[in-house]
N, C-alpha and C. Protein backbone atom coordinates (compact mmCIF):
# COMPACT_ATOMS: atom_id res chain seq x y z
N UNK A 1 0.85 -1.19 0.00
CA UNK A 1 0.00 0.00 0.00
C UNK A 1 0.89 1.24 0.00
N UNK A 2 0.57 2.15 -0.86
CA UNK A 2 1.34 3.38 -0.90
C UNK A 2 0.88 4.30 0.22
N UNK A 3 1.70 5.28 0.51
CA UNK A 3 1.33 6.25 1.53
C UNK A 3 0.34 7.25 0.94
N UNK A 4 -0.51 7.79 1.78
CA UNK A 4 -1.48 8.75 1.28
C UNK A 4 -2.05 9.58 2.41
N UNK A 5 -2.65 10.68 2.05
CA UNK A 5 -3.27 11.57 3.01
C UNK A 5 -4.65 11.93 2.51
N UNK A 6 -5.62 11.90 3.40
CA UNK A 6 -6.99 12.23 3.03
C UNK A 6 -7.52 13.26 4.02
N UNK A 7 -8.36 14.15 3.55
CA UNK A 7 -8.86 15.22 4.40
C UNK A 7 -10.36 15.14 4.55
N UNK A 8 -10.83 15.50 5.73
CA UNK A 8 -12.26 15.67 5.94
C UNK A 8 -12.47 16.60 7.13
N UNK A 9 -13.41 17.53 7.00
CA UNK A 9 -13.71 18.43 8.10
C UNK A 9 -15.20 18.38 8.40
N UNK A 10 -15.58 18.46 9.66
CA UNK A 10 -16.99 18.65 10.01
C UNK A 10 -17.59 17.50 10.79
N UNK A 11 -18.67 17.83 11.48
CA UNK A 11 -19.40 16.82 12.23
C UNK A 11 -20.28 16.02 11.27
N UNK A 12 -20.37 14.73 11.54
CA UNK A 12 -21.22 13.86 10.75
C UNK A 12 -22.11 13.06 11.70
N UNK A 13 -23.39 12.97 11.36
CA UNK A 13 -24.32 12.21 12.19
C UNK A 13 -24.28 10.72 11.87
N UNK A 14 -23.70 10.39 10.76
CA UNK A 14 -23.60 8.98 10.39
C UNK A 14 -22.15 8.65 10.07
N UNK A 15 -21.88 7.39 9.89
CA UNK A 15 -20.52 6.97 9.62
C UNK A 15 -20.03 7.54 8.30
N UNK A 16 -18.77 7.84 8.26
CA UNK A 16 -18.14 8.32 7.03
C UNK A 16 -17.52 7.11 6.34
N UNK A 17 -17.89 6.89 5.11
CA UNK A 17 -17.25 5.83 4.34
C UNK A 17 -16.28 6.48 3.36
N UNK A 18 -15.03 6.12 3.47
CA UNK A 18 -13.99 6.73 2.65
C UNK A 18 -13.52 5.69 1.65
N UNK A 19 -13.63 6.01 0.40
CA UNK A 19 -13.23 5.06 -0.64
C UNK A 19 -12.14 5.69 -1.50
N UNK A 20 -10.97 5.11 -1.45
CA UNK A 20 -9.87 5.60 -2.27
C UNK A 20 -8.90 4.45 -2.52
N UNK A 21 -8.48 4.32 -3.74
CA UNK A 21 -7.56 3.25 -4.10
C UNK A 21 -8.08 1.89 -3.63
N UNK A 22 -9.39 1.68 -3.83
CA UNK A 22 -10.04 0.43 -3.45
C UNK A 22 -9.96 0.15 -1.96
N UNK A 23 -9.86 1.21 -1.18
CA UNK A 23 -9.74 1.03 0.26
C UNK A 23 -10.90 1.74 0.94
N UNK A 24 -11.77 1.01 1.62
CA UNK A 24 -12.95 1.58 2.26
C UNK A 24 -12.68 1.74 3.75
N UNK A 25 -12.88 2.94 4.26
CA UNK A 25 -12.63 3.24 5.67
C UNK A 25 -13.91 3.75 6.31
N UNK A 26 -14.33 3.13 7.38
CA UNK A 26 -15.51 3.58 8.10
C UNK A 26 -15.08 4.32 9.37
N UNK A 27 -15.36 5.59 9.41
CA UNK A 27 -14.97 6.40 10.55
C UNK A 27 -16.07 6.37 11.61
N UNK A 28 -15.73 6.54 12.88
CA UNK A 28 -16.73 6.52 13.96
C UNK A 28 -17.74 7.65 13.79
N UNK A 29 -18.92 7.42 14.31
CA UNK A 29 -19.97 8.43 14.23
C UNK A 29 -19.63 9.62 15.12
N UNK A 30 -20.10 10.77 14.68
CA UNK A 30 -19.95 12.02 15.42
C UNK A 30 -18.49 12.31 15.80
N UNK A 31 -17.60 12.04 14.89
CA UNK A 31 -16.19 12.37 15.10
C UNK A 31 -15.84 13.57 14.23
N UNK A 32 -15.10 14.48 14.79
CA UNK A 32 -14.61 15.60 14.01
C UNK A 32 -13.24 15.18 13.49
N UNK A 33 -13.23 14.74 12.24
CA UNK A 33 -12.01 14.19 11.67
C UNK A 33 -11.30 15.28 10.88
N UNK A 34 -10.10 15.62 11.30
CA UNK A 34 -9.37 16.65 10.59
C UNK A 34 -8.43 16.08 9.54
N UNK A 35 -7.96 14.89 9.77
CA UNK A 35 -7.06 14.32 8.77
C UNK A 35 -6.99 12.81 8.94
N UNK A 36 -6.92 12.14 7.82
CA UNK A 36 -6.77 10.70 7.82
C UNK A 36 -5.58 10.37 6.94
N UNK A 37 -4.71 9.52 7.42
CA UNK A 37 -3.56 9.16 6.60
C UNK A 37 -3.13 7.74 6.91
N UNK A 38 -2.45 7.13 5.96
CA UNK A 38 -1.82 5.86 6.27
C UNK A 38 -0.33 5.99 6.08
N UNK A 39 0.39 5.28 6.94
CA UNK A 39 1.85 5.20 6.86
C UNK A 39 2.17 3.72 6.76
N UNK A 40 2.56 3.29 5.57
CA UNK A 40 2.77 1.87 5.36
C UNK A 40 1.46 1.13 5.57
N UNK A 41 1.47 0.06 6.38
CA UNK A 41 0.24 -0.71 6.58
C UNK A 41 -0.68 -0.12 7.63
N UNK A 42 -0.22 0.88 8.38
CA UNK A 42 -1.02 1.43 9.47
C UNK A 42 -1.80 2.65 9.00
N UNK A 43 -3.05 2.72 9.42
CA UNK A 43 -3.91 3.84 9.05
C UNK A 43 -4.25 4.60 10.32
N UNK A 44 -4.17 5.93 10.25
CA UNK A 44 -4.41 6.77 11.41
C UNK A 44 -5.46 7.81 11.08
N UNK A 45 -6.19 8.21 12.09
CA UNK A 45 -7.09 9.34 11.92
C UNK A 45 -6.98 10.23 13.14
N UNK A 46 -7.29 11.50 12.93
CA UNK A 46 -7.14 12.51 13.97
C UNK A 46 -8.48 13.20 14.17
N UNK A 47 -8.91 13.30 15.42
CA UNK A 47 -10.08 14.11 15.68
C UNK A 47 -9.63 15.37 16.42
N UNK A 48 -10.56 16.03 17.09
CA UNK A 48 -10.18 17.29 17.73
C UNK A 48 -9.46 17.09 19.05
N UNK A 49 -9.18 15.85 19.42
CA UNK A 49 -8.51 15.62 20.69
C UNK A 49 -7.22 14.83 20.57
N UNK A 50 -7.17 13.89 19.66
CA UNK A 50 -6.01 13.01 19.68
C UNK A 50 -5.85 12.29 18.34
N UNK A 51 -4.77 11.56 18.26
CA UNK A 51 -4.44 10.74 17.09
C UNK A 51 -4.80 9.29 17.40
N UNK A 52 -5.47 8.63 16.49
CA UNK A 52 -5.92 7.26 16.69
C UNK A 52 -5.48 6.38 15.53
N UNK A 53 -5.32 5.10 15.83
CA UNK A 53 -5.14 4.13 14.77
C UNK A 53 -6.53 3.66 14.36
N UNK A 54 -6.75 3.50 13.07
CA UNK A 54 -8.07 3.10 12.59
C UNK A 54 -8.49 1.79 13.25
N UNK A 55 -9.74 1.75 13.70
CA UNK A 55 -10.27 0.56 14.33
C UNK A 55 -10.00 0.48 15.82
N UNK A 56 -9.37 1.50 16.37
CA UNK A 56 -9.06 1.51 17.80
C UNK A 56 -9.60 2.78 18.43
N UNK A 57 -10.10 2.66 19.64
CA UNK A 57 -10.59 3.83 20.37
C UNK A 57 -9.54 4.36 21.34
N UNK A 58 -8.37 3.73 21.35
CA UNK A 58 -7.29 4.16 22.24
C UNK A 58 -6.39 5.16 21.52
N UNK A 59 -6.21 6.31 22.14
CA UNK A 59 -5.40 7.35 21.50
C UNK A 59 -3.93 6.94 21.48
N UNK A 60 -3.27 7.26 20.39
CA UNK A 60 -1.83 7.02 20.26
C UNK A 60 -1.07 8.23 20.76
N UNK A 61 -1.55 9.41 20.44
CA UNK A 61 -0.87 10.64 20.83
C UNK A 61 -1.89 11.71 21.13
N UNK A 62 -1.57 12.58 22.05
CA UNK A 62 -2.45 13.70 22.38
C UNK A 62 -2.00 14.95 21.64
N UNK A 63 -2.79 16.01 21.76
CA UNK A 63 -2.47 17.26 21.07
C UNK A 63 -1.04 17.69 21.37
N UNK A 64 -0.36 18.14 20.33
CA UNK A 64 0.99 18.64 20.51
C UNK A 64 2.07 17.63 20.17
N UNK A 65 1.70 16.36 20.06
CA UNK A 65 2.69 15.37 19.65
C UNK A 65 2.92 15.50 18.16
N UNK A 66 4.02 14.96 17.68
CA UNK A 66 4.30 15.02 16.25
C UNK A 66 4.26 13.62 15.66
N UNK A 67 4.12 13.57 14.35
CA UNK A 67 4.11 12.28 13.68
C UNK A 67 5.40 11.53 13.92
N UNK A 68 6.50 12.25 14.08
CA UNK A 68 7.78 11.58 14.30
C UNK A 68 7.77 10.81 15.61
N UNK A 69 6.91 11.22 16.55
CA UNK A 69 6.83 10.51 17.82
C UNK A 69 6.24 9.12 17.66
N UNK A 70 5.50 8.88 16.57
CA UNK A 70 4.91 7.57 16.34
C UNK A 70 5.55 6.88 15.14
N UNK A 71 6.70 7.37 14.72
CA UNK A 71 7.40 6.73 13.63
C UNK A 71 6.95 7.17 12.26
N UNK A 72 6.21 8.27 12.18
CA UNK A 72 5.75 8.76 10.89
C UNK A 72 6.56 9.95 10.44
N UNK A 73 5.92 10.84 9.72
CA UNK A 73 6.61 12.02 9.24
C UNK A 73 6.52 13.12 10.28
N UNK A 74 7.37 14.11 10.17
CA UNK A 74 7.41 15.17 11.17
C UNK A 74 6.41 16.26 10.85
N UNK A 75 5.22 16.12 11.38
CA UNK A 75 4.19 17.13 11.24
C UNK A 75 3.48 17.22 12.59
N UNK A 76 2.94 18.38 12.89
CA UNK A 76 2.34 18.56 14.20
C UNK A 76 0.85 18.86 14.08
N UNK A 77 0.11 18.49 15.12
CA UNK A 77 -1.29 18.88 15.17
C UNK A 77 -1.57 19.43 16.56
N UNK A 78 -2.30 20.51 16.61
CA UNK A 78 -2.60 21.19 17.86
C UNK A 78 -4.06 21.61 17.89
N UNK A 79 -4.72 21.32 19.00
CA UNK A 79 -6.07 21.82 19.25
C UNK A 79 -7.07 21.47 18.15
N UNK A 80 -6.89 20.31 17.54
CA UNK A 80 -7.85 19.84 16.56
C UNK A 80 -7.74 20.48 15.20
N UNK A 81 -6.72 21.31 14.98
CA UNK A 81 -6.55 21.92 13.66
C UNK A 81 -5.95 20.90 12.70
N UNK A 82 -6.20 21.04 11.42
CA UNK A 82 -5.60 20.11 10.46
C UNK A 82 -4.08 20.17 10.55
N UNK A 83 -3.47 19.03 10.28
CA UNK A 83 -2.01 19.01 10.24
C UNK A 83 -1.51 19.95 9.16
N UNK A 84 -0.39 20.54 9.41
CA UNK A 84 0.21 21.46 8.45
C UNK A 84 1.44 20.81 7.86
N UNK A 85 1.49 20.77 6.56
CA UNK A 85 2.65 20.17 5.91
C UNK A 85 2.38 19.94 4.45
N UNK A 86 3.27 19.28 3.80
CA UNK A 86 3.10 19.02 2.38
C UNK A 86 2.59 17.61 2.17
N UNK A 87 1.84 17.42 1.11
CA UNK A 87 1.38 16.10 0.73
C UNK A 87 2.46 15.45 -0.11
N UNK A 88 2.83 14.22 0.23
CA UNK A 88 3.87 13.54 -0.53
C UNK A 88 3.28 12.42 -1.35
């Protein structure tokens, strides 16, 4: 699987189904998703509080941590704002 970044903003009352490169992702209901990305085989999503691995409700990192802290790229997210950086 290649690396990729996907964006979504806003509250949703129903599940978000994300379809890209034949990959369907179901996001939790009523989540404010600012960014979704995969790094190798792992898929991550970010809401307004923390960084999560897809399919898990346990946070990997809290606000202010960087992607480099979890073995990804060096980008930061703060206070639920979208990550700032370049798309590769």
